[in-house]
Amino acid sequence: MSGQGSGGNVLAALCNVFIPGLGQLVQGRFLMALFFFVATFVSYALGATVILFFMWLVGGILHIWSIIDAARFSRIRQVL
C-alpha cells in the first residue's frame, strides 16, 4: 500500500530534505522532480546575489513544498 504516511512517502520526504526533487524521483514522478529541483536551485542561486537576495525565501517555500508533496503523494486518487 503506497498511501499517505506509508514508508515510501516518508523516505521520499527525507530525500527531499537533502535535495529538492529527489523524493519525487524516488516515487517515479520525473517531471515533478525536475520542476522542484530546477525551480529551487534557481531560486537559491538568485538569492545568493546581492540584488535578488529575497529569492532565498521563494527557494525555501519551494523546498518545503517539495517535502510536503512527496509526503502526501498517493497513486490512487479518489473522486467524490
Protein backbone atom coordinates (compact mmCIF):
# COMPACT_ATOMS: atom_id res chain seq x y z
CA MET A 1 0.00 0.00 0.00
CA SER A 2 1.51 3.30 -1.01
CA GLY A 3 -0.80 5.81 0.56
CA GLN A 4 -0.21 8.92 2.57
CA GLY A 5 2.04 8.18 5.53
CA SER A 6 3.46 4.97 4.07
CA GLY A 7 7.13 4.13 4.45
CA GLY A 8 7.85 5.04 0.83
CA ASN A 9 6.42 8.51 1.28
CA VAL A 10 8.44 9.05 4.46
CA LEU A 11 11.60 8.00 2.64
CA ALA A 12 10.74 10.32 -0.28
CA ALA A 13 10.14 13.24 2.09
CA LEU A 14 13.50 12.61 3.79
CA CYS A 15 15.22 12.53 0.39
CA ASN A 16 13.70 15.94 -0.38
CA VAL A 17 15.17 17.42 2.79
CA PHE A 18 18.63 16.99 1.29
CA ILE A 19 17.96 17.51 -2.44
CA PRO A 20 14.66 19.03 -3.59
CA GLY A 21 13.02 16.76 -6.17
CA LEU A 22 14.89 13.61 -5.18
CA GLY A 23 11.84 12.28 -3.36
CA GLN A 24 9.66 12.73 -6.42
CA LEU A 25 12.33 10.92 -8.44
CA VAL A 26 12.25 8.03 -5.96
CA GLN A 27 8.46 7.89 -6.41
CA GLY A 28 8.87 7.79 -10.20
CA ARG A 29 7.50 11.29 -10.89
CA PHE A 30 10.16 12.62 -13.23
CA LEU A 31 8.55 15.90 -14.34
CA MET A 32 7.72 17.00 -10.79
CA ALA A 33 11.24 16.04 -9.71
CA LEU A 34 12.73 18.15 -12.48
CA PHE A 35 10.42 21.07 -11.66
CA PHE A 36 11.24 21.09 -7.94
CA PHE A 37 14.98 20.67 -8.48
CA VAL A 38 15.34 23.37 -11.13
CA ALA A 39 12.96 25.88 -9.52
CA THR A 40 14.51 25.53 -6.08
CA PHE A 41 18.08 25.62 -7.40
CA VAL A 42 17.41 28.74 -9.49
CA SER A 43 15.68 30.48 -6.56
CA TYR A 44 18.56 29.70 -4.19
CA ALA A 45 21.11 30.78 -6.83
CA LEU A 46 19.32 34.09 -7.40
CA GLY A 47 19.05 34.52 -3.64
CA ALA A 48 22.84 34.34 -3.42
CA THR A 49 23.11 37.53 -5.48
CA VAL A 50 23.10 40.92 -3.84
CA ILE A 51 20.27 42.33 -5.94
CA LEU A 52 17.79 39.44 -5.65
CA PHE A 53 18.55 38.44 -2.05
CA PHE A 54 14.82 37.93 -1.30
CA MET A 55 14.68 34.91 -3.65
CA TRP A 56 16.03 32.66 -0.88
CA LEU A 57 12.54 32.92 0.64
CA VAL A 58 10.95 31.65 -2.60
CA GLY A 59 13.51 28.84 -2.68
CA GLY A 60 12.69 27.93 0.92
CA ILE A 61 8.97 27.81 0.16
CA LEU A 62 9.59 25.60 -2.88
CA HIS A 63 11.86 23.35 -0.81
CA ILE A 64 9.21 22.88 1.88
CA TRP A 65 6.54 22.36 -0.80
CA SER A 66 8.59 19.57 -2.36
CA ILE A 67 8.89 17.82 1.03
CA ILE A 68 5.15 18.07 1.71
CA ASP A 69 4.28 16.99 -1.84
CA ALA A 70 6.38 13.83 -1.51
CA ALA A 71 4.91 13.01 1.90
CA ARG A 72 1.29 13.40 0.76
CA PHE A 73 1.57 11.68 -2.63
CA SER A 74 -0.84 8.84 -3.37
CA ARG A 75 -1.00 6.91 -6.65
CA ILE A 76 -4.70 6.22 -6.12
CA ARG A 77 -6.83 9.34 -6.43
CA GLN A 78 -10.39 9.00 -5.19
CA VAL A 79 -13.08 11.02 -6.94
CA LEU A 80 -16.03 12.01 -4.78
